[in-house]
């Protein structure tokens, strides 16, 4: 809609004559026309260019403001309608309940997972004495039997301790034998002869004392001589008594208390000797089980200790310095991390076929031995362990990457594949 130009507006009035003959614009009616006076009045209503606002010029290209306002109102109306449609409650179809998938796998099912071979029992062989390795008779990958000598330590210091302990034992044993045997026959005979001589001396001095006392009473000898004879007789009597008691001790032998103390000293010396011999024997490090040497930690000339914790990086392997690590060949297993959603599809004793890229075209029979009692919440997995059936594959090595194919089956029948050792392990885990 175009607005009229105010500059072209003309107002027309009809002027009526007043009673005094003067025509005025106040009492003029619309539509009336006058002469020059009406033209002058209309001319006064005209807005000239000088009366217009500064900067006002009609731009023929600019659209009227009414179009912009209409467009804004139209846009607001569209946005309001869209908002109303978005907030309007919709009528949706009710959700259809989908049954959950079964937790057990049917016959003929197949589940595969990647895993690694490991030995169920791995022993770090640690010497029970500290020393320097003199010889090392195995290398990584060698198969050893229980009792085989793996390494030997330097024996010089421990050998000296054994010699000292043996000498000490001989001394204590000789002392005990002497006490048990008592005095020799020669010693007893010598003591008896001494007693006889002292008895004769005592008898002689006793007779002399009696004669001297008789003479002293008559005044033949002085009193001093009488007292000296009496003293000599008394000394001889006491000396005889001491010799007789010593003879009795020789004839009776050593006291039981002294013999018991000597016997205890002998036993202590025997224990020290046995310990020294045992320590010397421990310089020969033997294999505690039949298996394969998985790792060699030290070499000839290295110093090993017993009892001190052995650390590797931030991990502590155990007390003492390990020489080698041996894995039991009979307990070869394979482990795999199974997703928690697939755990219900497996059963204890289920048949498993194991294959390895290192040996293409070959499969090895195994069975599910146990499930880990703990899940890894970071990976949402559970470790499953399978044990190889006889014969155990001897070509598999520790940490070999393999693929486990779980063949499925009836759990009531697959449980019969579990060995007694597996049942015992699982029973212990259930008790824990």
Protein backbone atom coordinates (compact mmCIF):
# COMPACT_ATOMS: atom_id res chain seq x y z
CA UNK A 1 0.00 0.00 0.00
CA UNK A 2 1.46 3.38 -1.14
CA UNK A 3 1.03 6.38 1.07
CA UNK A 4 -0.11 9.68 -0.58
CA UNK A 5 2.44 12.39 -0.94
CA UNK A 6 1.66 15.04 1.60
CA UNK A 7 3.19 17.69 -0.63
CA UNK A 8 0.45 17.15 -3.23
CA UNK A 9 -2.41 17.20 -0.77
CA UNK A 10 -4.97 19.92 -1.30
CA UNK A 11 -7.86 20.62 1.03
CA UNK A 12 -10.94 22.05 -0.54
CA UNK A 13 -13.50 23.98 1.53
CA UNK A 14 -16.78 25.70 0.71
CA UNK A 15 -16.92 29.18 2.11
CA UNK A 16 -20.26 30.71 3.04
CA UNK A 17 -20.67 34.44 3.35
CA UNK A 18 -21.15 35.82 6.82
CA UNK A 19 -23.77 38.31 7.83
CA UNK A 20 -21.33 41.14 7.52
CA UNK A 21 -20.41 39.97 4.03
CA UNK A 22 -16.97 38.76 5.08
CA UNK A 23 -16.16 35.19 4.27
CA UNK A 24 -14.05 33.36 6.89
CA UNK A 25 -12.46 29.95 6.86
CA UNK A 26 -13.85 29.12 10.27
CA UNK A 27 -17.48 28.96 9.10
CA UNK A 28 -16.68 27.52 5.74
CA UNK A 29 -18.20 24.10 5.01
CA UNK A 30 -16.37 21.36 3.33
CA UNK A 31 -16.71 21.39 -0.42
CA UNK A 32 -17.20 25.14 -0.63
CA UNK A 33 -14.90 27.13 -2.81
CA UNK A 34 -13.85 30.65 -2.68
CA UNK A 35 -11.89 32.94 -4.78
CA UNK A 36 -8.41 34.08 -4.17
CA UNK A 37 -8.81 33.99 -0.40
CA UNK A 38 -9.48 30.22 -0.42
CA UNK A 39 -6.51 29.66 -2.65
CA UNK A 40 -4.33 31.55 -0.25
CA UNK A 41 -5.57 29.46 2.67
CA UNK A 42 -4.88 26.21 0.82
CA UNK A 43 -1.49 27.48 -0.12
CA UNK A 44 -0.72 28.01 3.55
CA UNK A 45 -1.54 24.33 4.22
CA UNK A 46 1.05 23.24 1.67
CA UNK A 47 4.34 21.84 3.16
CA UNK A 48 7.27 23.18 1.31
CA UNK A 49 10.68 21.73 0.93
CA UNK A 50 12.11 24.09 3.48
CA UNK A 51 9.62 22.74 6.11
CA UNK A 52 10.47 19.05 5.56
CA UNK A 53 12.81 17.19 7.98
CA UNK A 54 16.47 17.34 7.20
CA UNK A 55 17.74 14.42 5.12
CA UNK A 56 14.30 13.35 4.04
CA UNK A 57 14.28 12.38 0.39
CA UNK A 58 12.06 9.77 -1.10
CA UNK A 59 14.02 6.77 -2.37
CA UNK A 60 12.06 5.05 -5.05
CA UNK A 61 14.17 1.83 -4.65
CA UNK A 62 13.60 1.47 -0.88
CA UNK A 63 10.70 -0.73 0.01
CA UNK A 64 8.15 0.71 2.38
CA UNK A 65 8.61 -0.17 6.08
CA UNK A 66 5.31 -2.01 6.01
CA UNK A 67 6.84 -4.84 3.94
CA UNK A 68 9.67 -5.37 6.45
CA UNK A 69 7.22 -5.44 9.35
CA UNK A 70 5.04 -7.95 7.50
CA UNK A 71 7.98 -10.19 6.76
CA UNK A 72 9.07 -10.13 10.42
CA UNK A 73 5.56 -10.98 11.61
CA UNK A 74 5.39 -13.85 9.12
CA UNK A 75 8.71 -15.26 10.30
CA UNK A 76 7.66 -15.06 13.93
CA UNK A 77 4.46 -16.87 13.11
CA UNK A 78 6.37 -19.70 11.38
CA UNK A 79 8.72 -20.10 14.38
CA UNK A 80 5.80 -20.16 16.80
CA UNK A 81 4.08 -22.84 14.74
CA UNK A 82 7.21 -24.98 14.61
CA UNK A 83 7.68 -24.69 18.36
CA UNK A 84 4.10 -25.64 19.00
CA UNK A 85 4.38 -28.69 16.77
CA UNK A 86 7.60 -29.76 18.53
CA UNK A 87 6.10 -29.47 22.02
CA UNK A 88 2.88 -31.11 21.06
CA UNK A 89 2.60 -34.59 22.61
CA UNK A 90 2.80 -37.26 19.97
CA UNK A 91 0.88 -40.44 19.99
CA UNK A 92 3.48 -43.23 19.69
CA UNK A 93 2.96 -46.90 19.27
CA UNK A 94 3.52 -48.93 22.47
CA UNK A 95 6.97 -50.60 22.66
CA UNK A 96 7.10 -54.24 21.73
CA UNK A 97 8.90 -56.43 24.27
CA UNK A 98 11.74 -58.35 22.62
CA UNK A 99 12.70 -61.60 24.33
CA UNK A 100 16.31 -61.73 25.59
CA UNK A 101 18.68 -64.06 23.78
CA UNK A 102 19.26 -67.39 25.45
CA UNK A 103 22.18 -67.58 27.85
CA UNK A 104 23.26 -71.05 26.78
CA UNK A 105 24.42 -72.01 23.35
CA UNK A 106 22.74 -74.75 21.43
CA UNK A 107 24.44 -77.71 19.84
CA UNK A 108 26.68 -76.96 16.89
CA UNK A 109 27.36 -73.41 18.06
CA UNK A 110 30.81 -71.92 17.71
CA UNK A 111 32.58 -69.20 19.64
CA UNK A 112 36.16 -68.19 18.89
CA UNK A 113 38.54 -66.05 20.87
CA UNK A 114 42.20 -65.20 20.79
CA UNK A 115 44.40 -66.24 23.69
CA UNK A 116 47.87 -67.19 24.83
CA UNK A 117 49.55 -70.42 25.91
CA UNK A 118 51.01 -70.56 29.39
CA UNK A 119 52.27 -73.10 31.87
CA UNK A 120 49.94 -73.70 34.78
CA UNK A 121 52.93 -73.92 37.10
CA UNK A 122 55.98 -71.69 36.67
CA UNK A 123 58.71 -71.86 39.32
CA UNK A 124 61.52 -69.35 39.74
CA UNK A 125 64.47 -71.42 40.95
CA UNK A 126 66.16 -69.50 43.78
CA UNK A 127 69.31 -70.72 45.61
CA UNK A 128 68.96 -71.25 49.34
CA UNK A 129 72.42 -69.90 50.02
CA UNK A 130 74.19 -66.77 48.87
CA UNK A 131 77.23 -67.04 46.68
CA UNK A 132 78.79 -66.69 43.25
CA UNK A 133 77.63 -68.87 40.37
CA UNK A 134 80.48 -71.19 39.36
CA UNK A 135 78.72 -73.19 36.62
CA UNK A 136 75.42 -72.94 34.75
CA UNK A 137 74.40 -76.10 32.92
CA UNK A 138 71.12 -75.12 31.21
CA UNK A 139 69.96 -72.64 28.59
CA UNK A 140 66.57 -71.21 27.72
CA UNK A 141 64.37 -73.82 26.06
CA UNK A 142 66.10 -76.85 27.60
CA UNK A 143 63.94 -79.59 29.10
CA UNK A 144 65.05 -80.71 32.56
CA UNK A 145 63.99 -83.53 34.85
CA UNK A 146 63.32 -83.23 38.54
CA UNK A 147 66.58 -83.37 40.46
CA UNK A 148 68.86 -82.37 37.58
CA UNK A 149 71.69 -80.01 38.53
CA UNK A 150 71.01 -76.59 37.00
CA UNK A 151 73.91 -74.59 38.44
CA UNK A 152 76.58 -74.71 41.14
CA UNK A 153 77.91 -72.02 43.47
CA UNK A 154 81.41 -71.44 44.77
CA UNK A 155 82.08 -73.96 47.60
CA UNK A 156 85.32 -72.74 49.20
CA UNK A 157 83.95 -70.81 52.16
CA UNK A 158 81.25 -73.33 53.00
CA UNK A 159 83.79 -76.15 52.73
CA UNK A 160 85.95 -74.50 55.41
CA UNK A 161 82.93 -74.23 57.68
CA UNK A 162 82.33 -77.97 57.29
CA UNK A 163 85.94 -78.75 58.25
CA UNK A 164 85.75 -76.57 61.36
CA UNK A 165 82.51 -78.18 62.46
CA UNK A 166 83.95 -81.66 62.08
CA UNK A 167 87.02 -80.80 64.19
CA UNK A 168 84.84 -79.33 66.93
CA UNK A 169 82.74 -82.45 66.97
CA UNK A 170 85.79 -84.65 67.45
CA UNK A 171 86.92 -82.61 70.47
CA UNK A 172 83.56 -82.84 72.23
CA UNK A 173 83.26 -86.54 71.50
CA UNK A 174 86.72 -87.24 73.01
CA UNK A 175 85.85 -85.31 76.16
CA UNK A 176 82.61 -87.26 76.55
CA UNK A 177 84.40 -90.57 76.10
CA UNK A 178 86.95 -89.63 78.75
CA UNK A 179 84.28 -88.77 81.25
CA UNK A 180 82.32 -91.93 80.56
CA UNK A 181 85.41 -94.15 80.87
CA UNK A 182 86.42 -92.66 84.22
CA UNK A 183 89.96 -93.14 85.68
CA UNK A 184 92.36 -95.61 84.09
CA UNK A 185 93.49 -98.71 85.99
CA UNK A 186 97.00 -97.34 86.26
CA UNK A 187 95.69 -94.15 87.82
CA UNK A 188 93.57 -96.11 90.29
CA UNK A 189 96.50 -98.34 91.25
CA UNK A 190 98.73 -95.32 91.77
CA UNK A 191 96.11 -93.66 93.97
CA UNK A 192 95.68 -96.86 96.01
CA UNK A 193 99.44 -97.15 96.60
CA UNK A 194 99.57 -93.53 97.72
CA UNK A 195 96.78 -94.19 100.19
CA UNK A 196 98.64 -97.18 101.61
CA UNK A 197 101.81 -95.10 102.07
CA UNK A 198 99.94 -92.30 103.78
CA UNK A 199 98.28 -94.81 106.09
CA UNK A 200 101.64 -96.23 107.20
CA UNK A 201 102.96 -92.74 107.78
CA UNK A 202 99.92 -91.81 109.79
CA UNK A 203 100.25 -94.95 111.96
CA UNK A 204 103.93 -94.31 112.60
CA UNK A 205 103.33 -90.69 113.60
CA UNK A 206 100.52 -91.81 115.86
CA UNK A 207 102.87 -94.19 117.74
CA UNK A 208 105.54 -91.50 118.00
CA UNK A 209 102.96 -89.09 119.35
CA UNK A 210 101.95 -91.55 122.10
CA UNK A 211 105.55 -92.12 123.26
CA UNK A 212 106.28 -88.41 123.21
CA UNK A 213 103.22 -87.67 125.31
CA UNK A 214 104.28 -90.29 127.86
CA UNK A 215 107.76 -88.80 128.15
CA UNK A 216 106.31 -85.33 128.43
CA UNK A 217 104.26 -86.43 131.43
CA UNK A 218 107.41 -87.65 133.22
CA UNK A 219 109.30 -84.53 132.25
CA UNK A 220 111.80 -86.37 130.10
CA UNK A 221 110.97 -84.11 127.16
CA UNK A 222 109.67 -80.65 126.99
CA UNK A 223 106.04 -79.76 126.42
CA UNK A 224 106.94 -78.19 123.07
CA UNK A 225 108.22 -81.46 121.71
CA UNK A 226 105.04 -83.15 122.82
CA UNK A 227 102.86 -80.62 120.98
CA UNK A 228 104.92 -81.02 117.74
CA UNK A 229 104.51 -84.80 117.77
CA UNK A 230 100.75 -84.43 118.27
CA UNK A 231 100.48 -81.99 115.33
CA UNK A 232 102.41 -84.24 112.95
CA UNK A 233 100.17 -87.17 113.78
CA UNK A 234 97.02 -85.09 113.11
CA UNK A 235 98.31 -83.84 109.73
CA UNK A 236 99.14 -87.36 108.61
CA UNK A 237 95.65 -88.55 109.51
CA UNK A 238 93.95 -85.76 107.49
CA UNK A 239 96.17 -86.37 104.48
CA UNK A 240 95.22 -90.02 104.57
CA UNK A 241 91.52 -89.16 104.57
CA UNK A 242 91.85 -86.94 101.46
CA UNK A 243 93.74 -89.60 99.54
CA UNK A 244 91.15 -92.22 100.40
CA UNK A 245 88.30 -89.98 99.11
CA UNK A 246 90.15 -89.33 95.82
CA UNK A 247 90.58 -93.04 95.35
CA UNK A 248 86.87 -93.54 95.91
CA UNK A 249 86.07 -90.95 93.17
CA UNK A 250 88.37 -92.67 90.71
CA UNK A 251 86.82 -96.00 91.44
CA UNK A 252 83.24 -94.57 91.23
CA UNK A 253 83.75 -92.75 87.89
CA UNK A 254 82.41 -89.35 86.61
CA UNK A 255 79.21 -87.85 87.96
CA UNK A 256 76.04 -88.14 85.75
CA UNK A 257 75.61 -84.35 85.57
CA UNK A 258 79.06 -83.88 84.07
CA UNK A 259 78.44 -86.62 81.55
CA UNK A 260 75.08 -85.03 80.54
CA UNK A 261 76.73 -81.66 79.93
CA UNK A 262 79.39 -83.29 77.79
CA UNK A 263 76.72 -85.19 75.83
CA UNK A 264 74.85 -81.93 75.07
CA UNK A 265 78.06 -80.36 73.80
CA UNK A 266 78.51 -83.28 71.41
CA UNK A 267 74.95 -82.94 70.08
CA UNK A 268 75.40 -79.22 69.47
CA UNK A 269 78.59 -79.90 67.54
CA UNK A 270 76.79 -82.52 65.45
CA UNK A 271 74.00 -80.04 64.61
CA UNK A 272 76.52 -77.41 63.52
CA UNK A 273 78.24 -79.95 61.32
CA UNK A 274 74.96 -81.06 59.76
CA UNK A 275 74.01 -77.48 58.99
CA UNK A 276 77.38 -76.77 57.41
CA UNK A 277 77.11 -79.93 55.28
CA UNK A 278 73.57 -78.94 54.24
CA UNK A 279 74.70 -75.46 53.27
CA UNK A 280 77.50 -76.99 51.25
CA UNK A 281 75.03 -79.27 49.49
CA UNK A 282 72.82 -76.32 48.60
CA UNK A 283 75.55 -74.95 46.39
CA UNK A 284 74.22 -77.47 43.85
CA UNK A 285 70.97 -75.97 42.54
CA UNK A 286 68.67 -78.71 41.26
CA UNK A 287 65.45 -78.62 39.24
CA UNK A 288 62.38 -78.83 41.54
CA UNK A 289 60.15 -80.26 38.77
CA UNK A 290 60.12 -81.64 35.25
CA UNK A 291 59.68 -78.87 32.72
CA UNK A 292 61.19 -76.44 30.26
CA UNK A 293 63.55 -73.61 31.09
CA UNK A 294 61.53 -70.52 30.15
CA UNK A 295 63.98 -67.84 31.21
CA UNK A 296 67.56 -67.46 32.41
CA UNK A 297 68.05 -64.54 34.79
CA UNK A 298 71.81 -64.64 35.50
CA UNK A 299 75.01 -66.09 34.10
CA UNK A 300 78.29 -67.52 35.38
CA UNK A 301 80.10 -65.15 37.75
CA UNK A 302 76.97 -63.38 38.97
CA UNK A 303 76.30 -63.04 42.68
CA UNK A 304 73.01 -64.42 43.96
CA UNK A 305 71.46 -63.91 47.37
CA UNK A 306 68.92 -65.74 49.47
CA UNK A 307 66.15 -63.92 51.33
CA UNK A 308 66.54 -60.46 49.82
CA UNK A 309 63.60 -59.37 47.59
CA UNK A 310 64.35 -59.51 43.88
CA UNK A 311 62.82 -56.61 41.94
CA UNK A 312 62.60 -56.09 38.21
CA UNK A 313 61.45 -52.62 37.25
CA UNK A 314 58.51 -51.84 39.51
CA UNK A 315 57.62 -55.52 40.11
CA UNK A 316 58.90 -57.77 42.88
CA UNK A 317 59.33 -61.34 41.63
CA UNK A 318 59.90 -62.81 45.07
CA UNK A 319 62.48 -63.31 47.82
CA UNK A 320 65.96 -64.25 46.66
CA UNK A 321 67.74 -63.97 43.34
CA UNK A 322 66.20 -66.32 40.74
CA UNK A 323 68.57 -68.19 38.44
CA UNK A 324 66.09 -69.67 35.95
CA UNK A 325 62.33 -70.00 35.52
CA UNK A 326 60.95 -73.49 34.77
CA UNK A 327 57.46 -74.20 33.45
CA UNK A 328 55.69 -77.50 34.07
CA UNK A 329 55.09 -79.25 30.75
CA UNK A 330 52.28 -81.43 32.10
CA UNK A 331 50.16 -78.45 33.08
CA UNK A 332 50.09 -76.62 29.73
CA UNK A 333 47.08 -74.30 29.46
CA UNK A 334 45.69 -71.53 27.28
CA UNK A 335 43.79 -68.48 28.49
CA UNK A 336 41.48 -66.09 26.67
CA UNK A 337 39.43 -63.04 27.67
CA UNK A 338 35.76 -63.71 26.88
CA UNK A 339 33.22 -60.91 26.78
CA UNK A 340 30.80 -60.96 29.67
CA UNK A 341 27.85 -61.27 27.31
CA UNK A 342 29.27 -64.54 25.96
CA UNK A 343 30.11 -66.06 29.34
CA UNK A 344 26.73 -67.77 29.62
CA UNK A 345 27.33 -69.54 26.33
CA UNK A 346 30.21 -71.56 27.78
CA UNK A 347 30.14 -74.53 30.12
CA UNK A 348 32.71 -76.24 32.29
CA UNK A 349 34.40 -79.16 30.52
CA UNK A 350 33.30 -77.99 27.08
CA UNK A 351 35.43 -79.20 24.19
CA UNK A 352 37.79 -76.65 22.70
CA UNK A 353 39.93 -76.80 19.58
CA UNK A 354 43.14 -74.80 19.76
CA UNK A 355 45.03 -73.67 16.70
CA UNK A 356 48.07 -71.49 16.18
CA UNK A 357 49.32 -69.51 13.22
CA UNK A 358 52.77 -70.92 13.95
CA UNK A 359 51.49 -74.41 13.05
CA UNK A 360 48.90 -73.96 10.25
CA UNK A 361 46.51 -76.75 9.54
CA UNK A 362 46.86 -78.37 12.98
CA UNK A 363 44.37 -78.35 15.83
CA UNK A 364 44.87 -79.49 19.39
CA UNK A 365 42.05 -80.82 21.61
CA UNK A 366 41.42 -79.19 24.95
CA UNK A 367 38.58 -78.54 27.37
CA UNK A 368 37.37 -75.68 29.55
CA UNK A 369 39.11 -76.11 32.90
CA UNK A 370 37.94 -73.11 34.91
CA UNK A 371 36.52 -69.59 34.84
CA UNK A 372 38.18 -66.72 36.61
CA UNK A 373 36.29 -65.74 39.78
CA UNK A 374 36.82 -62.07 38.93
CA UNK A 375 35.90 -60.01 35.88
CA UNK A 376 37.91 -57.21 34.35
CA UNK A 377 35.57 -54.24 34.61
CA UNK A 378 37.83 -52.10 32.44
CA UNK A 379 37.44 -54.48 29.49
CA UNK A 380 34.14 -56.16 30.53
CA UNK A 381 35.74 -59.57 30.07
CA UNK A 382 36.28 -62.74 32.09
CA UNK A 383 39.38 -64.91 31.78
CA UNK A 384 38.63 -68.48 30.71
CA UNK A 385 41.29 -71.19 31.07
CA UNK A 386 41.37 -74.30 28.91
CA UNK A 387 43.62 -77.29 29.56
CA UNK A 388 45.10 -79.42 26.78
CA UNK A 389 44.14 -83.06 26.59
CA UNK A 390 46.76 -85.81 26.41
CA UNK A 391 49.11 -85.76 24.66
CA UNK A 392 50.16 -82.27 25.60
CA UNK A 393 51.60 -80.42 22.56
CA UNK A 394 55.32 -80.19 23.15
CA UNK A 395 55.88 -77.68 20.38
CA UNK A 396 53.90 -74.94 22.11
CA UNK A 397 55.94 -72.33 23.94
CA UNK A 398 55.03 -69.96 26.73
CA UNK A 399 52.98 -66.89 25.67
CA UNK A 400 52.36 -68.30 22.15
CA UNK A 401 49.38 -66.63 20.47
CA UNK A 402 46.60 -69.13 19.70
CA UNK A 403 42.95 -69.19 18.66
CA UNK A 404 40.42 -70.99 20.83
CA UNK A 405 37.30 -72.44 19.20
CA UNK A 406 34.67 -73.42 21.75
CA UNK A 407 32.70 -76.27 20.18
CA UNK A 408 29.64 -76.17 22.42
CA UNK A 409 27.68 -79.18 23.57
CA UNK A 410 25.48 -80.42 26.36
CA UNK A 411 26.86 -79.25 29.71
CA UNK A 412 25.70 -82.50 31.35
CA UNK A 413 28.03 -84.48 29.10
CA UNK A 414 30.89 -82.03 28.77
CA UNK A 415 31.42 -81.91 32.51
CA UNK A 416 32.72 -85.45 32.30
CA UNK A 417 35.77 -84.16 30.42
CA UNK A 418 36.99 -82.30 33.49
CA UNK A 419 39.91 -84.03 35.20
CA UNK A 420 40.03 -84.66 38.92
CA UNK A 421 42.58 -81.87 39.31
CA UNK A 422 40.24 -79.41 37.59
CA UNK A 423 37.34 -80.50 39.78
CA UNK A 424 39.47 -80.04 42.88
CA UNK A 425 40.55 -76.56 41.77
CA UNK A 426 36.99 -75.51 40.99
CA UNK A 427 35.72 -76.91 44.29
CA UNK A 428 38.31 -74.88 46.18
CA UNK A 429 37.31 -71.74 44.28
CA UNK A 430 33.64 -72.29 45.11
CA UNK A 431 34.52 -72.62 48.80
CA UNK A 432 36.48 -69.39 48.69
